[in-house]
């Protein structure tokens, strides 16, 4: 079974999917999207560690995605 997690607003979204890691445990893939000033931006990435449970992988993925969105919307970095 693959767990997924999603958080959406009108300006941004975070989507997380889990997968079984070859070495055991679970990995998470995170996709973030942000809409600002008529421009859309999307980025996908994986966390560099594995988790003991799918639940932990989804929760940490959502945390990482939300942190990424928070930093992007506060202009902590500029990615185009």
PDB file of N, CA and C in Angstrom:
ATOM      1  N   UNK A   1       0.846  -1.176   0.000  1.00  0.00           N
ATOM      2  CA  UNK A   1       0.000   0.000   0.000  1.00  0.00           C
ATOM      3  C   UNK A   1       0.893   1.242   0.000  1.00  0.00           C
ATOM      4  N   UNK A   2       0.526   2.226  -0.786  1.00  0.00           N
ATOM      5  CA  UNK A   2       1.242   3.491  -0.831  1.00  0.00           C
ATOM      6  C   UNK A   2       0.386   4.558  -0.175  1.00  0.00           C
ATOM      7  N   UNK A   3       0.975   5.279   0.755  1.00  0.00           N
ATOM      8  CA  UNK A   3       0.274   6.393   1.386  1.00  0.00           C
ATOM      9  C   UNK A   3       0.592   7.679   0.649  1.00  0.00           C
ATOM     10  N   UNK A   4      -0.384   8.581   0.624  1.00  0.00           N
ATOM     11  CA  UNK A   4      -0.187   9.899   0.040  1.00  0.00           C
ATOM     12  C   UNK A   4      -0.720  10.939   1.006  1.00  0.00           C
ATOM     13  N   UNK A   5      -0.217  12.142   0.875  1.00  0.00           N
ATOM     14  CA  UNK A   5      -0.703  13.260   1.674  1.00  0.00           C
ATOM     15  C   UNK A   5      -0.744  14.497   0.806  1.00  0.00           C
ATOM     16  N   UNK A   6      -1.749  15.338   1.017  1.00  0.00           N
ATOM     17  CA  UNK A   6      -1.921  16.535   0.206  1.00  0.00           C
ATOM     18  C   UNK A   6      -2.408  17.682   1.068  1.00  0.00           C
ATOM     19  N   UNK A   7      -1.820  18.849   0.831  1.00  0.00           N
ATOM     20  CA  UNK A   7      -2.297  20.090   1.437  1.00  0.00           C
ATOM     21  C   UNK A   7      -2.387  21.107   0.306  1.00  0.00           C
ATOM     22  N   UNK A   8      -3.564  21.715   0.129  1.00  0.00           N
ATOM     23  CA  UNK A   8      -3.771  22.676  -0.956  1.00  0.00           C
ATOM     24  C   UNK A   8      -4.388  23.965  -0.428  1.00  0.00           C
ATOM     25  N   UNK A   9      -3.982  25.078  -1.011  1.00  0.00           N
ATOM     26  CA  UNK A   9      -4.684  26.352  -0.874  1.00  0.00           C
ATOM     27  C   UNK A   9      -4.847  26.899  -2.284  1.00  0.00           C
ATOM     28  N   UNK A  10      -5.375  28.103  -2.409  1.00  0.00           N
ATOM     29  CA  UNK A  10      -5.542  28.678  -3.745  1.00  0.00           C
ATOM     30  C   UNK A  10      -4.219  29.094  -4.369  1.00  0.00           C
ATOM     31  N   UNK A  11      -3.172  29.312  -3.560  1.00  0.00           N
ATOM     32  CA  UNK A  11      -1.892  29.792  -4.096  1.00  0.00           C
ATOM     33  C   UNK A  11      -0.776  28.753  -4.081  1.00  0.00           C
ATOM     34  N   UNK A  12      -0.907  27.678  -3.335  1.00  0.00           N
ATOM     35  CA  UNK A  12       0.166  26.691  -3.266  1.00  0.00           C
ATOM     36  C   UNK A  12      -0.387  25.320  -2.915  1.00  0.00           C
ATOM     37  N   UNK A  13       0.440  24.302  -3.160  1.00  0.00           N
ATOM     38  CA  UNK A  13       0.060  22.938  -2.787  1.00  0.00           C
ATOM     39  C   UNK A  13       1.308  22.123  -2.459  1.00  0.00           C
ATOM     40  N   UNK A  14       1.109  21.124  -1.624  1.00  0.00           N
ATOM     41  CA  UNK A  14       2.153  20.160  -1.274  1.00  0.00           C
ATOM     42  C   UNK A  14       1.534  18.772  -1.429  1.00  0.00           C
ATOM     43  N   UNK A  15       2.177  17.921  -2.217  1.00  0.00           N
ATOM     44  CA  UNK A  15       1.732  16.546  -2.420  1.00  0.00           C
ATOM     45  C   UNK A  15       2.881  15.605  -2.081  1.00  0.00           C
ATOM     46  N   UNK A  16       2.582  14.543  -1.356  1.00  0.00           N
ATOM     47  CA  UNK A  16       3.604  13.584  -0.934  1.00  0.00           C
ATOM     48  C   UNK A  16       3.136  12.166  -1.270  1.00  0.00           C
ATOM     49  N   UNK A  17       4.040  11.377  -1.831  1.00  0.00           N
ATOM     50  CA  UNK A  17       3.807   9.958  -2.097  1.00  0.00           C
ATOM     51  C   UNK A  17       4.924   9.162  -1.438  1.00  0.00           C
ATOM     52  N   UNK A  18       4.600   7.983  -0.964  1.00  0.00           N
ATOM     53  CA  UNK A  18       5.624   7.116  -0.371  1.00  0.00           C
ATOM     54  C   UNK A  18       5.935   5.959  -1.315  1.00  0.00           C
ATOM     55  N   UNK A  19       7.097   5.378  -1.108  1.00  0.00           N
ATOM     56  CA  UNK A  19       7.479   4.167  -1.838  1.00  0.00           C
ATOM     57  C   UNK A  19       8.386   3.339  -0.936  1.00  0.00           C
ATOM     58  N   UNK A  20       8.437   2.056  -1.213  1.00  0.00           N
ATOM     59  CA  UNK A  20       9.306   1.166  -0.446  1.00  0.00           C
ATOM     60  C   UNK A  20      10.745   1.407  -0.889  1.00  0.00           C
ATOM     61  N   UNK A  21      11.630   1.595   0.074  1.00  0.00           N
ATOM     62  CA  UNK A  21      13.052   1.795  -0.221  1.00  0.00           C
ATOM     63  C   UNK A  21      13.722   0.444  -0.454  1.00  0.00           C
ATOM     64  N   UNK A  22      14.633   0.340  -1.416  1.00  0.00           N
ATOM     65  CA  UNK A  22      15.310  -0.933  -1.687  1.00  0.00           C
ATOM     66  C   UNK A  22      16.043  -1.495  -0.466  1.00  0.00           C
ATOM     67  N   UNK A  23      16.563  -0.620   0.376  1.00  0.00           N
ATOM     68  CA  UNK A  23      17.310  -1.056   1.559  1.00  0.00           C
ATOM     69  C   UNK A  23      16.410  -1.322   2.761  1.00  0.00           C
ATOM     70  N   UNK A  24      15.099  -1.197   2.566  1.00  0.00           N
ATOM     71  CA  UNK A  24      14.140  -1.386   3.653  1.00  0.00           C
ATOM     72  C   UNK A  24      13.618  -0.050   4.132  1.00  0.00           C
ATOM     73  N   UNK A  25      12.440  -0.040   4.673  1.00  0.00           N
ATOM     74  CA  UNK A  25      11.813   1.196   5.107  1.00  0.00           C
ATOM     75  C   UNK A  25      11.091   1.874   3.954  1.00  0.00           C
ATOM     76  N   UNK A  26      10.847   3.174   4.109  1.00  0.00           N
ATOM     77  CA  UNK A  26      10.057   3.916   3.130  1.00  0.00           C
ATOM     78  C   UNK A  26      10.716   5.250   2.812  1.00  0.00           C
ATOM     79  N   UNK A  27      10.507   5.687   1.586  1.00  0.00           N
ATOM     80  CA  UNK A  27      10.970   6.994   1.131  1.00  0.00           C
ATOM     81  C   UNK A  27       9.753   7.842   0.795  1.00  0.00           C
ATOM     82  N   UNK A  28       9.981   9.147   0.698  1.00  0.00           N
ATOM     83  CA  UNK A  28       8.881  10.009   0.280  1.00  0.00           C
ATOM     84  C   UNK A  28       9.338  10.945  -0.831  1.00  0.00           C
ATOM     85  N   UNK A  29       8.446  11.156  -1.772  1.00  0.00           N
ATOM     86  CA  UNK A  29       8.655  12.093  -2.876  1.00  0.00           C
ATOM     87  C   UNK A  29       7.693  13.242  -2.650  1.00  0.00           C
ATOM     88  N   UNK A  30       8.220  14.445  -2.724  1.00  0.00           N
ATOM     89  CA  UNK A  30       7.449  15.646  -2.422  1.00  0.00           C
ATOM     90  C   UNK A  30       7.338  16.494  -3.678  1.00  0.00           C
ATOM     91  N   UNK A  31       6.139  16.987  -3.958  1.00  0.00           N
ATOM     92  CA  UNK A  31       5.948  17.923  -5.057  1.00  0.00           C
ATOM     93  C   UNK A  31       5.283  19.165  -4.488  1.00  0.00           C
ATOM     94  N   UNK A  32       5.922  20.310  -4.719  1.00  0.00           N
ATOM     95  CA  UNK A  32       5.362  21.577  -4.271  1.00  0.00           C
ATOM     96  C   UNK A  32       5.029  22.418  -5.494  1.00  0.00           C
ATOM     97  N   UNK A  33       3.975  23.201  -5.392  1.00  0.00           N
ATOM     98  CA  UNK A  33       3.578  24.123  -6.451  1.00  0.00           C
ATOM     99  C   UNK A  33       3.193  25.438  -5.801  1.00  0.00           C
ATOM    100  N   UNK A  34       3.579  26.533  -6.458  1.00  0.00           N
ATOM    101  CA  UNK A  34       3.320  27.865  -5.915  1.00  0.00           C
ATOM    102  C   UNK A  34       2.926  28.782  -7.060  1.00  0.00           C
ATOM    103  N   UNK A  35       1.847  29.517  -6.870  1.00  0.00           N
ATOM    104  CA  UNK A  35       1.344  30.468  -7.861  1.00  0.00           C
ATOM    105  C   UNK A  35       1.482  31.861  -7.274  1.00  0.00           C
ATOM    106  N   UNK A  36       2.203  32.748  -7.978  1.00  0.00           N
ATOM    107  CA  UNK A  36       2.394  34.104  -7.477  1.00  0.00           C
ATOM    108  C   UNK A  36       2.558  35.059  -8.648  1.00  0.00           C
ATOM    109  N   UNK A  37       1.866  36.166  -8.594  1.00  0.00           N
ATOM    110  CA  UNK A  37       1.956  37.205  -9.633  1.00  0.00           C
ATOM    111  C   UNK A  37       1.775  36.625 -11.037  1.00  0.00           C
ATOM    112  N   UNK A  38       0.834  35.712 -11.164  1.00  0.00           N
ATOM    113  CA  UNK A  38       0.536  35.125 -12.460  1.00  0.00           C
ATOM    114  C   UNK A  38       1.548  34.112 -12.957  1.00  0.00           C
ATOM    115  N   UNK A  39       2.535  33.782 -12.146  1.00  0.00           N
ATOM    116  CA  UNK A  39       3.533  32.800 -12.535  1.00  0.00           C
ATOM    117  C   UNK A  39       3.364  31.534 -11.703  1.00  0.00           C
ATOM    118  N   UNK A  40       3.452  30.406 -12.376  1.00  0.00           N
ATOM    119  CA  UNK A  40       3.348  29.117 -11.683  1.00  0.00           C
ATOM    120  C   UNK A  40       4.738  28.510 -11.552  1.00  0.00           C
ATOM    121  N   UNK A  41       4.996  27.893 -10.406  1.00  0.00           N
ATOM    122  CA  UNK A  41       6.278  27.247 -10.158  1.00  0.00           C
ATOM    123  C   UNK A  41       6.009  25.887  -9.539  1.00  0.00           C
ATOM    124  N   UNK A  42       6.709  24.861 -10.019  1.00  0.00           N
ATOM    125  CA  UNK A  42       6.592  23.518  -9.449  1.00  0.00           C
ATOM    126  C   UNK A  42       7.980  22.942  -9.218  1.00  0.00           C
ATOM    127  N   UNK A  43       8.097  22.162  -8.177  1.00  0.00           N
ATOM    128  CA  UNK A  43       9.370  21.495  -7.867  1.00  0.00           C
ATOM    129  C   UNK A  43       9.048  20.158  -7.215  1.00  0.00           C
ATOM    130  N   UNK A  44       9.805  19.129  -7.580  1.00  0.00           N
ATOM    131  CA  UNK A  44       9.654  17.805  -6.972  1.00  0.00           C
ATOM    132  C   UNK A  44      11.014  17.365  -6.444  1.00  0.00           C
ATOM    133  N   UNK A  45      10.998  16.726  -5.283  1.00  0.00           N
ATOM    134  CA  UNK A  45      12.242  16.250  -4.686  1.00  0.00           C
ATOM    135  C   UNK A  45      11.953  15.111  -3.724  1.00  0.00           C
ATOM    136  N   UNK A  46      12.999  14.367  -3.388  1.00  0.00           N
ATOM    137  CA  UNK A  46      12.902  13.289  -2.398  1.00  0.00           C
ATOM    138  C   UNK A  46      13.757  13.646  -1.203  1.00  0.00           C
ATOM    139  N   UNK A  47      13.318  13.235  -0.036  1.00  0.00           N
ATOM    140  CA  UNK A  47      14.158  13.405   1.145  1.00  0.00           C
ATOM    141  C   UNK A  47      15.275  12.369   1.087  1.00  0.00           C
ATOM    142  N   UNK A  48      16.416  12.699   1.619  1.00  0.00           N
ATOM    143  CA  UNK A  48      17.585  11.844   1.507  1.00  0.00           C
ATOM    144  C   UNK A  48      17.692  10.769   2.566  1.00  0.00           C
ATOM    145  N   UNK A  49      16.617  10.426   3.201  1.00  0.00           N
ATOM    146  CA  UNK A  49      16.661   9.379   4.222  1.00  0.00           C
ATOM    147  C   UNK A  49      15.462   8.462   4.078  1.00  0.00           C
ATOM    148  N   UNK A  50      15.522   7.334   4.755  1.00  0.00           N
ATOM    149  CA  UNK A  50      14.396   6.409   4.771  1.00  0.00           C
ATOM    150  C   UNK A  50      13.743   6.453   6.149  1.00  0.00           C
ATOM    151  N   UNK A  51      12.509   5.998   6.189  1.00  0.00           N
ATOM    152  CA  UNK A  51      11.711   6.036   7.411  1.00  0.00           C
ATOM    153  C   UNK A  51      11.228   4.631   7.744  1.00  0.00           C
ATOM    154  N   UNK A  52      11.056   4.369   9.021  1.00  0.00           N
ATOM    155  CA  UNK A  52      10.634   3.041   9.474  1.00  0.00           C
ATOM    156  C   UNK A  52       9.205   2.723   9.051  1.00  0.00           C
ATOM    157  N   UNK A  53       8.329   3.744   9.000  1.00  0.00           N
ATOM    158  CA  UNK A  53       6.926   3.520   8.639  1.00  0.00           C
ATOM    159  C   UNK A  53       6.504   4.486   7.541  1.00  0.00           C
ATOM    160  N   UNK A  54       5.484   4.094   6.791  1.00  0.00           N
ATOM    161  CA  UNK A  54       4.937   4.990   5.763  1.00  0.00           C
ATOM    162  C   UNK A  54       4.366   6.251   6.393  1.00  0.00           C
ATOM    163  N   UNK A  55       3.752   6.094   7.548  1.00  0.00           N
ATOM    164  CA  UNK A  55       3.186   7.243   8.256  1.00  0.00           C
ATOM    165  C   UNK A  55       4.260   8.292   8.525  1.00  0.00           C
ATOM    166  N   UNK A  56       5.405   7.842   9.041  1.00  0.00           N
ATOM    167  CA  UNK A  56       6.505   8.771   9.309  1.00  0.00           C
ATOM    168  C   UNK A  56       6.996   9.436   8.027  1.00  0.00           C
ATOM    169  N   UNK A  57       7.057   8.673   6.944  1.00  0.00           N
ATOM    170  CA  UNK A  57       7.512   9.221   5.665  1.00  0.00           C
ATOM    171  C   UNK A  57       6.562  10.306   5.160  1.00  0.00           C
ATOM    172  N   UNK A  58       5.253  10.060   5.235  1.00  0.00           N
ATOM    173  CA  UNK A  58       4.271  11.051   4.777  1.00  0.00           C
ATOM    174  C   UNK A  58       4.331  12.305   5.637  1.00  0.00           C
ATOM    175  N   UNK A  59       4.347  12.137   6.951  1.00  0.00           N
ATOM    176  CA  UNK A  59       4.362  13.305   7.837  1.00  0.00           C
ATOM    177  C   UNK A  59       5.620  14.148   7.645  1.00  0.00           C
ATOM    178  N   UNK A  60       6.767  13.502   7.535  1.00  0.00           N
ATOM    179  CA  UNK A  60       8.010  14.257   7.331  1.00  0.00           C
ATOM    180  C   UNK A  60       8.029  14.910   5.951  1.00  0.00           C
ATOM    181  N   UNK A  61       7.469  14.245   4.958  1.00  0.00           N
ATOM    182  CA  UNK A  61       7.365  14.834   3.624  1.00  0.00           C
ATOM    183  C   UNK A  61       6.484  16.069   3.611  1.00  0.00           C
ATOM    184  N   UNK A  62       5.346  16.000   4.297  1.00  0.00           N
ATOM    185  CA  UNK A  62       4.471  17.170   4.381  1.00  0.00           C
ATOM    186  C   UNK A  62       5.163  18.310   5.125  1.00  0.00           C
ATOM    187  N   UNK A  63       5.882  17.989   6.195  1.00  0.00           N
ATOM    188  CA  UNK A  63       6.642  19.021   6.928  1.00  0.00           C
ATOM    189  C   UNK A  63       7.673  19.692   6.024  1.00  0.00           C
ATOM    190  N   UNK A  64       8.423  18.871   5.301  1.00  0.00           N
ATOM    191  CA  UNK A  64       9.458  19.411   4.414  1.00  0.00           C
ATOM    192  C   UNK A  64       8.843  20.264   3.307  1.00  0.00           C
ATOM    193  N   UNK A  65       7.748  19.807   2.746  1.00  0.00           N
ATOM    194  CA  UNK A  65       7.069  20.579   1.704  1.00  0.00           C
ATOM    195  C   UNK A  65       6.529  21.897   2.224  1.00  0.00           C
ATOM    196  N   UNK A  66       5.922  21.873   3.402  1.00  0.00           N
ATOM    197  CA  UNK A  66       5.397  23.107   4.001  1.00  0.00           C
ATOM    198  C   UNK A  66       6.535  24.076   4.337  1.00  0.00           C
ATOM    199  N   UNK A  67       7.658  23.557   4.814  1.00  0.00           N
ATOM    200  CA  UNK A  67       8.814  24.413   5.095  1.00  0.00           C
ATOM    201  C   UNK A  67       9.318  25.048   3.809  1.00  0.00           C
ATOM    202  N   UNK A  68       9.367  24.262   2.740  1.00  0.00           N
ATOM    203  CA  UNK A  68       9.808  24.778   1.453  1.00  0.00           C
ATOM    204  C   UNK A  68       8.883  25.903   0.990  1.00  0.00           C
ATOM    205  N   UNK A  69       7.563  25.678   1.074  1.00  0.00           N
ATOM    206  CA  UNK A  69       6.593  26.705   0.673  1.00  0.00           C
ATOM    207  C   UNK A  69       6.752  27.950   1.543  1.00  0.00           C
ATOM    208  N   UNK A  70       6.890  27.773   2.843  1.00  0.00           N
ATOM    209  CA  UNK A  70       7.051  28.913   3.752  1.00  0.00           C
ATOM    210  C   UNK A  70       8.284  29.739   3.377  1.00  0.00           C
ATOM    211  N   UNK A  71       9.390  29.077   3.101  1.00  0.00           N
ATOM    212  CA  UNK A  71      10.605  29.798   2.724  1.00  0.00           C
ATOM    213  C   UNK A  71      10.447  30.482   1.369  1.00  0.00           C
ATOM    214  N   UNK A  72       9.794  29.831   0.423  1.00  0.00           N
ATOM    215  CA  UNK A  72       9.581  30.414  -0.914  1.00  0.00           C
ATOM    216  C   UNK A  72       8.682  31.631  -0.833  1.00  0.00           C
ATOM    217  N   UNK A  73       7.584  31.543  -0.091  1.00  0.00           N
ATOM    218  CA  UNK A  73       6.649  32.670  -0.020  1.00  0.00           C
ATOM    219  C   UNK A  73       7.177  33.820   0.825  1.00  0.00           C
ATOM    220  N   UNK A  74       8.139  33.561   1.706  1.00  0.00           N
ATOM    221  CA  UNK A  74       8.741  34.648   2.495  1.00  0.00           C
ATOM    222  C   UNK A  74       9.977  35.212   1.797  1.00  0.00           C
ATOM    223  N   UNK A  75      10.229  34.731   0.574  1.00  0.00           N
ATOM    224  CA  UNK A  75      11.358  35.205  -0.245  1.00  0.00           C
ATOM    225  C   UNK A  75      12.706  34.918   0.406  1.00  0.00           C
ATOM    226  N   UNK A  76      12.811  33.825   1.150  1.00  0.00           N
ATOM    227  CA  UNK A  76      14.089  33.412   1.731  1.00  0.00           C
ATOM    228  C   UNK A  76      15.059  33.009   0.617  1.00  0.00           C
ATOM    229  N   UNK A  77      14.504  32.597  -0.530  1.00  0.00           N
ATOM    230  CA  UNK A  77      15.319  32.309  -1.712  1.00  0.00           C
ATOM    231  C   UNK A  77      14.472  32.588  -2.936  1.00  0.00           C
ATOM    232  N   UNK A  78      15.119  32.742  -4.065  1.00  0.00           N
ATOM    233  CA  UNK A  78      14.419  33.022  -5.312  1.00  0.00           C
ATOM    234  C   UNK A  78      14.735  31.912  -6.299  1.00  0.00           C
ATOM    235  N   UNK A  79      13.731  31.158  -6.672  1.00  0.00           N
ATOM    236  CA  UNK A  79      13.889  30.077  -7.632  1.00  0.00           C
ATOM    237  C   UNK A  79      12.936  30.358  -8.773  1.00  0.00           C
ATOM    238  N   UNK A  80      13.443  30.317  -9.985  1.00  0.00           N
ATOM    239  CA  UNK A  80      12.558  30.569 -11.131  1.00  0.00           C
ATOM    240  C   UNK A  80      12.588  29.422 -12.101  1.00  0.00           C
TER     241      UNK A  80
END
